Amino acid sequence: MAQKITIEPVTRVEGHGKVTIHQDDNGKISQSRLHIVEFRGFERFVQGRPYWEMPVLVQRLCGICPVSHHLAAAKAVDVIVGVGPEDLTPTGEKMRRLMHYGQMFQSHTLHFFHLASPDLLFGVDADPAIRNVIGVAMHHKDLAVQAVMMRKYGQEVIAATAGKKIHGTGAIPGGINKHLSEEERDSFLKGADPLNIDKMIDWSLGALTFFKDYHKNNKDLIDGFCEFPSNHLSLVRKDGAMDLYHGVLRAVDTEGNKILDDVDYQDYFKHISEEVRSWSYMKFPYLKYLGKEKGWYTVGPLARCNTVDFIPTPLAQKEFEEYKAYTNGKINNMVLHTHWARLIELLHSAEMMKDLLNDPDLMTGERVAKGTKTNEGVGLIEAPRGTLFHHYRIDENDQVRMANLIVSTTNNNQPMNTAVNLVAEKFMTGQKTITEGMMNAVEVGIRAYDPCLSCATHALGKMPLEMVLCDAEGNVLDRKIK
């Protein structure tokens, strides 16, 4: 008998979403969709605000990745005040980078240990009363303590560079508003165990060892869970290295061919467009020249490890080489390998923080650069979840008149929907009884992308609004669609 399966809410992700899966009379999956059911509208209500407010205002999109929005907006505003990415002072750039790598470190820690590890430690179909962060704390105390302390370290780095842990004010037009003090630097480099950078590097290596050992014993799950061909997009440094703060836009197809060849991201709109569909408050980006059907792409850790040529820190590069060797250098489209790539980035972020903390430019030097103001700017950054776009245009009164945000999770909209459908087909086809474990398997596919659903809810064009009036028994009395 045909049935509709609804997963609401999707758990262990940031924001609100649901999944609907339709199973036909023969038990086959006929349709699967990830629905984003909330709408934030930041692109609209920032209009009319002074441009210099953007780095502080737009980070209110999220309490998990505010630094990413803060810095992407700051980079866009830099362009407006005539300061390109290469024009920042050494102090301005390095303080921002330290802030950003602190954000990458704490966010990747949060996702892997708190949100993803319960499925690995207890099993996809384990009792949900245990399969959560409390279960991890009860049954794997050392791992839970490690996760808390790693996230605390990243959050303290953010506080020292941005002014506070959440919704800081460190990045300003053309630079940064403070230096790092010697006391702050020394506490991060040589703080009491475990809150020092060497312990963070050791624990990052330990997290990779944990995942690789798990993978070795559970290859059927990690390799066979979900895989599909995809294009991949990210920023890369001009020499092809991983650079999570700045770079040029590169995209590769599922065979590894470059389909977007290191272009200046100020021109992103020449290459990327966005589609609106009636059933979601999240857009569907795609590469224009490939079109809507073939031009969608994946962003985030898996994509970055597919687009970059190397990682410019030694320990992460060694792990990257092992990771690439597993697929013989070919593009990796195995969805759960995103966790492996994420942990490589965790290690890279720790190494980058150590290098930056040993740089004297953090504690002295000019903080702000100046230039000639223009009326438009684009800022891109590699957020934990993937490439993040901020684009603003201002008028003669310095007020924002156009804002376009393509958020990391928005870029992953089509890949997540594809994963939902494939996992549903794998676990639910022919099943007359749908178990909680089967539904969690669908969520596992979504969680691999570490989606931030509240960040991603922005409108382009006409979005549908449906209002339903029901009586006390739930009978529909009236329905209006706008």
Protein backbone atom coordinates (compact mmCIF):
# COMPACT_ATOMS: atom_id res chain seq x y z
CA MET A 1 0.00 0.00 0.00
CA ALA A 2 1.30 3.44 -0.89
CA GLN A 3 2.39 5.57 2.03
CA LYS A 4 4.00 8.90 2.87
CA ILE A 5 6.82 8.84 5.40
CA THR A 6 7.60 12.10 7.18
CA ILE A 7 10.71 12.78 9.25
CA GLU A 8 10.09 15.93 11.26
CA PRO A 9 12.17 17.46 12.62
CA VAL A 10 15.51 16.39 11.19
CA THR A 11 17.61 15.97 14.32
CA ARG A 12 21.19 16.80 15.28
CA VAL A 13 21.42 19.63 12.75
CA GLU A 14 21.21 23.40 13.20
CA GLY A 15 17.81 24.81 12.19
CA HIS A 16 14.48 23.26 11.28
CA GLY A 17 13.73 20.92 8.39
CA LYS A 18 11.73 17.86 7.49
CA VAL A 19 11.90 15.02 5.00
CA THR A 20 9.01 13.53 3.07
CA ILE A 21 9.37 10.16 1.37
CA HIS A 22 6.67 8.65 -0.85
CA GLN A 23 6.49 4.88 -1.21
CA ASP A 24 4.28 3.49 -3.99
CA ASP A 25 2.03 0.42 -3.97
CA ASN A 26 4.97 -1.80 -4.93
CA GLY A 27 7.13 -0.59 -2.06
CA LYS A 28 9.38 1.51 -4.28
CA ILE A 29 10.42 5.04 -3.37
CA SER A 30 8.75 7.38 -5.84
CA GLN A 31 9.80 10.72 -4.38
CA SER A 32 12.04 12.00 -1.56
CA ARG A 33 12.54 15.61 -0.55
CA LEU A 34 14.32 17.62 2.11
CA HIS A 35 12.07 20.55 2.99
CA ILE A 36 13.32 23.71 4.68
CA VAL A 37 10.31 24.97 6.58
CA GLU A 38 11.51 28.22 8.14
CA PHE A 39 12.24 31.54 6.48
CA ARG A 40 14.69 34.17 7.81
CA GLY A 41 14.82 36.79 5.02
CA PHE A 42 18.14 38.46 5.86
CA GLU A 43 18.69 39.49 2.25
CA ARG A 44 15.64 41.71 2.52
CA PHE A 45 15.79 43.30 5.91
CA VAL A 46 19.48 44.32 5.70
CA GLN A 47 18.45 46.63 2.88
CA GLY A 48 18.48 50.23 4.01
CA ARG A 49 21.09 49.60 6.70
CA PRO A 50 24.55 51.26 6.53
CA TYR A 51 27.06 48.98 4.83
CA TRP A 52 29.47 49.02 7.78
CA GLU A 53 26.87 47.25 9.92
CA MET A 54 26.91 44.15 7.72
CA PRO A 55 29.73 42.18 9.43
CA VAL A 56 27.95 42.46 12.78
CA LEU A 57 24.34 42.28 11.57
CA VAL A 58 24.41 39.28 9.23
CA GLN A 59 26.17 36.97 11.67
CA ARG A 60 22.89 36.91 13.61
CA LEU A 61 21.86 34.36 11.02
CA CYS A 62 23.48 31.71 13.17
CA GLY A 63 24.92 30.96 16.59
CA ILE A 64 26.97 28.04 15.29
CA CYS A 65 28.91 29.69 12.45
CA PRO A 66 28.66 33.45 13.10
CA VAL A 67 32.38 33.94 12.44
CA SER A 68 31.96 32.68 8.87
CA HIS A 69 29.24 35.24 8.13
CA HIS A 70 31.15 37.94 10.03
CA LEU A 71 34.27 37.45 7.91
CA ALA A 72 32.52 36.90 4.55
CA ALA A 73 30.60 40.14 5.09
CA ALA A 74 33.78 41.92 6.23
CA LYS A 75 35.57 40.82 3.06
CA ALA A 76 32.71 42.18 0.94
CA VAL A 77 32.71 45.46 2.86
CA ASP A 78 36.52 45.67 2.44
CA VAL A 79 35.98 45.82 -1.30
CA ILE A 80 33.39 48.56 -0.88
CA VAL A 81 35.87 50.70 1.08
CA GLY A 82 38.53 50.04 -1.56
CA VAL A 83 40.56 47.42 0.30
CA GLY A 84 40.94 44.21 -1.65
CA PRO A 85 41.97 40.92 -0.01
CA GLU A 86 45.60 41.53 -0.94
CA ASP A 87 45.48 45.08 0.51
CA LEU A 88 44.84 44.13 4.14
CA THR A 89 47.67 44.85 6.56
CA PRO A 90 49.57 41.76 7.77
CA THR A 91 48.03 42.22 11.21
CA GLY A 92 44.52 42.58 9.80
CA GLU A 93 44.74 39.48 7.66
CA LYS A 94 46.46 37.26 10.22
CA MET A 95 44.10 38.18 13.05
CA ARG A 96 41.15 37.38 10.79
CA ARG A 97 42.74 34.11 9.76
CA LEU A 98 43.30 33.12 13.39
CA MET A 99 39.66 33.93 14.12
CA HIS A 100 38.57 31.85 11.14
CA TYR A 101 40.69 28.80 11.97
CA GLY A 102 39.42 28.96 15.54
CA GLN A 103 35.91 28.83 14.07
CA MET A 104 36.75 25.91 11.77
CA PHE A 105 38.30 24.02 14.68
CA GLN A 106 35.41 24.44 17.10
CA SER A 107 32.73 23.83 14.48
CA HIS A 108 34.30 20.67 13.08
CA THR A 109 34.76 19.42 16.64
CA LEU A 110 31.13 20.14 17.47
CA HIS A 111 29.83 18.37 14.42
CA PHE A 112 31.94 15.24 14.50
CA PHE A 113 31.90 14.47 18.20
CA HIS A 114 28.53 15.85 19.28
CA LEU A 115 26.34 15.36 16.19
CA ALA A 116 27.87 12.63 14.01
CA SER A 117 29.75 10.30 16.40
CA PRO A 118 26.63 8.85 18.12
CA ASP A 119 25.71 7.10 14.86
CA LEU A 120 29.21 5.66 14.58
CA LEU A 121 29.67 4.71 18.23
CA PHE A 122 26.25 3.14 18.80
CA GLY A 123 25.03 2.29 15.29
CA VAL A 124 22.60 3.89 12.89
CA ASP A 125 19.70 1.85 14.24
CA ALA A 126 20.60 2.03 17.94
CA ASP A 127 18.11 3.13 20.59
CA PRO A 128 17.75 6.93 20.17
CA ALA A 129 17.75 7.25 23.96
CA ILE A 130 21.44 6.28 23.83
CA ARG A 131 22.31 7.46 20.33
CA ASN A 132 23.01 11.08 21.28
CA VAL A 133 25.62 13.31 22.90
CA ILE A 134 24.48 12.28 26.40
CA GLY A 135 25.05 8.66 25.43
CA VAL A 136 28.55 9.56 24.24
CA ALA A 137 29.27 11.27 27.58
CA MET A 138 27.98 8.26 29.54
CA HIS A 139 29.66 5.49 27.57
CA HIS A 140 32.73 7.23 26.10
CA LYS A 141 33.65 9.74 28.78
CA ASP A 142 37.21 10.41 27.60
CA LEU A 143 36.00 11.14 24.07
CA ALA A 144 33.29 13.47 25.36
CA VAL A 145 35.69 15.41 27.59
CA GLN A 146 38.12 15.72 24.71
CA ALA A 147 35.37 17.09 22.47
CA VAL A 148 34.32 19.68 25.05
CA MET A 149 37.88 20.87 25.62
CA MET A 150 38.67 21.07 21.89
CA ARG A 151 35.58 23.17 21.27
CA LYS A 152 36.41 25.35 24.25
CA TYR A 153 39.86 26.03 22.81
CA GLY A 154 38.43 27.11 19.46
CA GLN A 155 35.85 29.29 21.16
CA GLU A 156 38.52 30.99 23.29
CA VAL A 157 40.51 31.78 20.12
CA ILE A 158 37.37 33.38 18.67
CA ALA A 159 36.83 35.40 21.85
CA ALA A 160 40.42 36.68 21.78
CA THR A 161 40.22 37.77 18.15
CA ALA A 162 36.55 38.77 17.73
CA GLY A 163 35.85 40.18 21.19
CA LYS A 164 33.46 37.43 22.29
CA LYS A 165 32.74 33.82 21.47
CA ILE A 166 29.45 34.41 19.63
CA HIS A 167 28.57 37.41 17.46
CA GLY A 168 31.87 39.24 17.89
CA THR A 169 32.93 42.56 16.39
CA GLY A 170 36.61 41.97 15.57
CA ALA A 171 36.53 42.44 11.79
CA ILE A 172 35.80 46.00 10.66
CA PRO A 173 35.88 47.61 7.19
CA GLY A 174 39.48 47.34 5.98
CA GLY A 175 40.87 45.31 8.85
CA ILE A 176 40.56 44.38 12.51
CA ASN A 177 39.86 46.34 15.70
CA LYS A 178 42.41 44.82 18.10
CA HIS A 179 45.77 43.10 18.49
CA LEU A 180 46.36 39.82 20.28
CA SER A 181 48.03 40.36 23.65
CA GLU A 182 51.16 38.47 24.68
CA GLU A 183 49.20 36.89 27.53
CA GLU A 184 46.56 35.62 25.12
CA ARG A 185 49.17 34.27 22.74
CA ASP A 186 51.07 32.50 25.50
CA SER A 187 47.90 30.96 26.92
CA PHE A 188 47.03 29.44 23.53
CA LEU A 189 50.57 28.23 22.86
CA LYS A 190 51.59 27.04 26.32
CA GLY A 191 48.43 26.98 28.42
CA ALA A 192 47.85 24.45 31.17
CA ASP A 193 47.18 20.99 29.81
CA PRO A 194 45.00 20.31 27.87
CA LEU A 195 44.25 23.86 26.72
CA ASN A 196 47.31 24.42 24.54
CA ILE A 197 47.89 24.11 20.83
CA ASP A 198 50.12 21.05 20.95
CA LYS A 199 47.42 19.09 22.79
CA MET A 200 44.87 20.25 20.21
CA ILE A 201 47.10 18.92 17.43
CA ASP A 202 47.57 15.61 19.27
CA TRP A 203 43.83 15.24 19.82
CA SER A 204 43.13 16.10 16.17
CA LEU A 205 45.48 13.30 15.14
CA GLY A 206 43.71 11.05 17.63
CA ALA A 207 40.34 11.86 16.10
CA LEU A 208 41.67 10.86 12.70
CA THR A 209 43.05 7.62 14.11
CA PHE A 210 39.66 6.91 15.69
CA PHE A 211 37.85 7.45 12.38
CA LYS A 212 40.34 5.46 10.30
CA ASP A 213 40.15 2.53 12.72
CA TYR A 214 36.37 2.68 12.62
CA HIS A 215 36.48 2.83 8.81
CA LYS A 216 38.77 -0.18 8.66
CA ASN A 217 36.26 -2.23 10.64
CA ASN A 218 33.12 -0.80 9.02
CA LYS A 219 33.94 -0.31 5.36
CA ASP A 220 30.55 -1.54 4.21
CA LEU A 221 28.90 1.29 6.14
CA ILE A 222 31.35 4.12 5.42
CA ASP A 223 32.05 3.25 1.78
CA GLY A 224 28.72 1.76 0.81
CA PHE A 225 26.28 3.97 2.67
CA CYS A 226 25.72 6.51 -0.12
CA GLU A 227 27.69 7.48 -3.21
CA PHE A 228 26.72 9.42 -6.32
CA PRO A 229 28.50 11.43 -9.03
CA SER A 230 28.78 15.15 -8.31
CA ASN A 231 30.60 18.29 -9.30
CA HIS A 232 32.62 19.87 -6.48
CA LEU A 233 33.36 23.55 -5.80
CA SER A 234 35.56 25.49 -3.38
CA LEU A 235 38.06 28.27 -2.97
CA VAL A 236 41.67 27.27 -3.53
CA ARG A 237 44.86 29.24 -3.12
CA LYS A 238 46.29 30.45 -6.41
CA ASP A 239 48.88 27.66 -6.34
CA GLY A 240 46.17 25.03 -5.76
CA ALA A 241 46.67 24.69 -2.00
CA MET A 242 43.86 24.47 0.52
CA ASP A 243 43.11 27.95 1.85
CA LEU A 244 40.00 28.23 3.98
CA TYR A 245 40.17 32.03 4.24
CA HIS A 246 40.83 33.26 0.70
CA GLY A 247 41.45 32.11 -2.84
CA VAL A 248 40.01 31.72 -6.33
CA LEU A 249 36.95 29.67 -7.27
CA ARG A 250 37.60 26.21 -8.65
CA ALA A 251 35.12 23.49 -9.58
CA VAL A 252 35.79 19.97 -10.83
CA ASP A 253 33.45 17.37 -12.27
CA THR A 254 33.07 13.81 -11.06
CA GLU A 255 36.06 12.77 -13.20
CA GLY A 256 38.30 15.50 -11.77
CA ASN A 257 38.22 17.77 -14.82
CA LYS A 258 38.23 21.49 -14.04
CA ILE A 259 34.88 23.00 -14.99
CA LEU A 260 35.51 26.32 -13.23
CA ASP A 261 39.16 27.18 -13.61
CA ASP A 262 40.37 29.36 -10.73
CA VAL A 263 38.22 32.41 -11.41
CA ASP A 264 38.10 35.66 -9.41
CA TYR A 265 35.18 35.33 -7.02
CA GLN A 266 34.22 38.97 -7.53
CA ASP A 267 32.76 37.63 -10.78
CA TYR A 268 30.92 34.67 -9.22
CA PHE A 269 27.56 35.87 -10.64
CA LYS A 270 28.89 35.32 -14.17
CA HIS A 271 29.26 31.63 -13.40
CA ILE A 272 26.67 30.73 -10.75
CA SER A 273 22.90 31.14 -10.73
CA GLU A 274 20.16 29.99 -8.36
CA GLU A 275 16.89 28.19 -8.94
CA VAL A 276 13.80 28.42 -6.73
CA ARG A 277 11.50 25.44 -6.26
CA SER A 278 8.02 25.53 -4.79
CA TRP A 279 8.57 23.06 -1.95
CA SER A 280 11.53 24.60 -0.12
CA TYR A 281 12.64 27.95 1.29
CA MET A 282 16.16 27.11 0.15
CA LYS A 283 17.56 27.93 -3.27
CA PHE A 284 19.27 25.49 -5.65
CA PRO A 285 22.54 26.94 -7.03
CA TYR A 286 24.13 25.68 -10.23
CA LEU A 287 26.90 26.52 -12.70
CA LYS A 288 25.28 28.52 -15.47
CA TYR A 289 27.02 27.00 -18.45
CA LEU A 290 26.08 23.47 -17.40
CA GLY A 291 22.47 24.38 -16.65
CA LYS A 292 20.10 23.44 -13.84
CA GLU A 293 20.11 19.69 -14.48
CA LYS A 294 23.87 19.12 -14.66
CA GLY A 295 25.36 22.22 -13.06
CA TRP A 296 24.69 21.55 -9.37
CA TYR A 297 27.66 20.88 -7.14
CA THR A 298 28.83 19.86 -3.67
CA VAL A 299 30.73 22.13 -1.25
CA GLY A 300 32.35 21.49 2.14
CA PRO A 301 35.15 19.19 3.39
CA LEU A 302 34.56 16.45 0.79
CA ALA A 303 34.50 19.01 -2.04
CA ARG A 304 37.57 20.85 -0.76
CA CYS A 305 39.57 17.62 -0.63
CA ASN A 306 38.47 16.98 -4.21
CA THR A 307 39.37 20.43 -5.58
CA VAL A 308 42.67 21.28 -3.88
CA ASP A 309 46.04 19.98 -5.02
CA PHE A 310 47.65 19.87 -1.57
CA ILE A 311 47.36 21.07 2.03
CA PRO A 312 50.08 23.52 3.14
CA THR A 313 50.64 22.10 6.64
CA PRO A 314 52.77 18.95 7.07
CA LEU A 315 50.63 16.72 9.29
CA ALA A 316 47.40 17.43 7.41
CA GLN A 317 49.20 16.96 4.09
CA LYS A 318 50.36 13.50 5.18
CA GLU A 319 46.78 12.60 6.13
CA PHE A 320 45.52 14.09 2.86
CA GLU A 321 47.91 11.88 0.86
CA GLU A 322 46.59 8.80 2.66
CA TYR A 323 43.02 9.95 2.06
CA LYS A 324 43.64 10.50 -1.67
CA ALA A 325 45.45 7.19 -2.00
CA TYR A 326 42.32 5.36 -0.83
CA THR A 327 40.58 6.30 -4.10
CA ASN A 328 43.79 6.14 -6.14
CA GLY A 329 43.72 9.91 -6.54
CA LYS A 330 40.26 9.90 -8.10
CA ILE A 331 37.36 12.09 -7.05
CA ASN A 332 35.77 10.84 -3.84
CA ASN A 333 31.96 10.88 -3.92
CA MET A 334 31.34 8.67 -0.88
CA VAL A 335 29.14 10.81 1.35
CA LEU A 336 30.32 9.47 4.71
CA HIS A 337 33.92 10.13 3.71
CA THR A 338 32.99 13.76 4.40
CA HIS A 339 33.75 12.95 8.04
CA TRP A 340 37.26 11.81 7.12
CA ALA A 341 37.84 15.00 5.12
CA ARG A 342 36.40 17.09 7.96
CA LEU A 343 38.89 15.65 10.45
CA ILE A 344 41.78 16.35 8.08
CA GLU A 345 40.61 19.97 8.05
CA LEU A 346 40.37 19.88 11.85
CA LEU A 347 44.06 18.96 11.99
CA HIS A 348 44.95 21.55 9.35
CA SER A 349 43.14 24.23 11.35
CA ALA A 350 45.10 23.34 14.49
CA GLU A 351 48.38 23.51 12.57
CA MET A 352 47.42 26.85 11.04
CA MET A 353 46.57 28.26 14.46
CA LYS A 354 49.97 27.21 15.79
CA ASP A 355 51.75 28.91 12.87
CA LEU A 356 49.71 32.09 13.31
CA LEU A 357 50.17 32.20 17.08
CA ASN A 358 53.92 32.21 16.56
CA ASP A 359 53.67 35.22 14.22
CA PRO A 360 54.57 38.59 15.88
CA ASP A 361 52.29 40.47 13.47
CA LEU A 362 49.34 39.45 15.65
CA MET A 363 50.58 41.64 18.48
CA THR A 364 51.81 44.73 16.68
CA GLY A 365 51.40 46.62 13.41
CA GLU A 366 48.73 48.60 11.59
CA ARG A 367 45.29 47.06 11.95
CA VAL A 368 43.34 48.86 9.21
CA ALA A 369 44.04 49.64 5.54
CA LYS A 370 42.31 52.38 3.58
CA GLY A 371 41.30 52.78 -0.06
CA THR A 372 38.87 54.51 -2.41
CA LYS A 373 35.24 53.67 -1.78
CA THR A 374 33.09 51.98 -4.42
CA ASN A 375 29.46 50.86 -4.39
CA GLU A 376 29.70 47.07 -4.57
CA GLY A 377 31.66 44.21 -3.04
CA VAL A 378 31.74 40.43 -2.88
CA GLY A 379 33.23 38.41 -0.03
CA LEU A 380 33.79 34.66 -0.07
CA ILE A 381 35.15 32.34 2.58
CA GLU A 382 35.29 28.61 3.16
CA ALA A 383 32.93 28.14 6.10
CA PRO A 384 33.00 24.81 7.96
CA ARG A 385 30.08 23.63 5.81
CA GLY A 386 31.45 24.93 2.51
CA THR A 387 31.81 27.97 0.30
CA LEU A 388 29.94 31.01 1.60
CA PHE A 389 29.04 33.99 -0.65
CA HIS A 390 28.21 37.53 0.55
CA HIS A 391 27.44 40.22 -2.05
CA TYR A 392 26.35 43.79 -1.31
CA ARG A 393 25.58 46.88 -3.36
CA ILE A 394 25.13 50.31 -1.74
CA ASP A 395 23.67 53.66 -2.79
CA GLU A 396 24.94 57.25 -2.53
CA ASN A 397 23.84 57.35 1.12
CA ASP A 398 25.99 54.33 2.04
CA GLN A 399 22.88 52.20 2.56
CA VAL A 400 22.66 48.60 1.35
CA ARG A 401 20.34 48.37 -1.64
CA MET A 402 21.04 44.77 -2.71
CA ALA A 403 22.22 41.77 -0.72
CA ASN A 404 22.72 38.25 -1.99
CA LEU A 405 23.87 35.47 0.31
CA ILE A 406 24.58 32.01 -1.04
CA VAL A 407 25.14 30.02 2.11
CA SER A 408 27.17 26.81 2.30
CA THR A 409 24.14 24.65 3.04
CA THR A 410 22.28 26.25 0.13
CA ASN A 411 25.09 25.18 -2.18
CA ASN A 412 24.61 21.63 -0.86
CA ASN A 413 20.84 21.62 -1.36
CA GLN A 414 20.76 19.33 -4.38
CA PRO A 415 23.43 16.93 -3.04
CA MET A 416 21.49 16.59 0.22
CA ASN A 417 18.25 15.89 -1.65
CA THR A 418 20.05 13.32 -3.80
CA ALA A 419 21.49 11.65 -0.70
CA VAL A 420 18.05 11.57 0.95
CA ASN A 421 16.56 9.80 -2.05
CA LEU A 422 19.37 7.25 -2.41
CA VAL A 423 19.41 6.37 1.28
CA ALA A 424 15.62 6.08 1.34
CA GLU A 425 15.75 3.75 -1.65
CA LYS A 426 18.44 1.64 -0.01
CA PHE A 427 16.82 1.27 3.41
CA MET A 428 13.09 1.56 2.71
CA THR A 429 12.40 -0.05 -0.67
CA GLY A 430 10.05 -3.00 -0.19
CA GLN A 431 9.67 -2.41 3.54
CA LYS A 432 6.11 -2.57 4.82
CA THR A 433 7.12 -1.39 8.28
CA ILE A 434 9.31 1.70 8.50
CA THR A 435 11.48 1.66 11.62
CA GLU A 436 13.10 4.54 13.48
CA GLY A 437 16.49 3.17 12.41
CA MET A 438 15.54 3.42 8.75
CA MET A 439 14.47 7.03 9.22
CA ASN A 440 17.67 7.80 11.12
CA ALA A 441 19.66 6.41 8.20
CA VAL A 442 18.15 9.17 6.05
CA GLU A 443 19.16 11.70 8.68
CA VAL A 444 22.70 10.27 8.75
CA GLY A 445 22.96 11.12 5.05
CA ILE A 446 21.83 14.68 5.73
CA ARG A 447 24.04 15.09 8.81
CA ALA A 448 27.17 14.21 6.82
CA TYR A 449 26.85 17.65 5.20
CA ASP A 450 26.64 19.32 8.65
CA PRO A 451 23.78 21.49 7.37
CA CYS A 452 22.93 24.83 8.94
CA LEU A 453 19.31 25.05 7.86
CA SER A 454 18.51 28.41 9.44
CA CYS A 455 21.46 30.02 7.63
CA ALA A 456 20.23 28.71 4.32
CA THR A 457 16.69 30.06 4.27
CA HIS A 458 16.75 33.05 1.96
CA ALA A 459 14.41 33.87 -0.92
CA LEU A 460 15.09 34.72 -4.51
CA GLY A 461 12.08 35.62 -6.62
CA LYS A 462 8.54 34.58 -5.65
CA MET A 463 8.32 32.01 -2.87
CA PRO A 464 5.08 30.18 -2.07
CA LEU A 465 3.13 30.90 1.09
CA GLU A 466 0.41 28.43 2.05
CA MET A 467 -2.13 29.09 4.80
CA VAL A 468 -4.48 26.32 5.95
CA LEU A 469 -7.48 26.83 8.24
CA CYS A 470 -8.59 23.72 10.13
CA ASP A 471 -11.36 23.00 12.63
CA ALA A 472 -10.85 21.38 16.04
CA GLU A 473 -10.94 17.89 14.49
CA GLY A 474 -8.27 18.76 11.93
CA ASN A 475 -10.59 19.03 8.94
CA VAL A 476 -9.42 21.56 6.35
CA LEU A 477 -11.92 24.42 6.10
CA ASP A 478 -9.99 26.70 3.76
CA ARG A 479 -6.65 26.84 1.99
CA LYS A 480 -4.94 29.83 0.38
CA ILE A 481 -1.73 29.85 -1.59
CA LYS A 482 0.14 33.04 -2.41
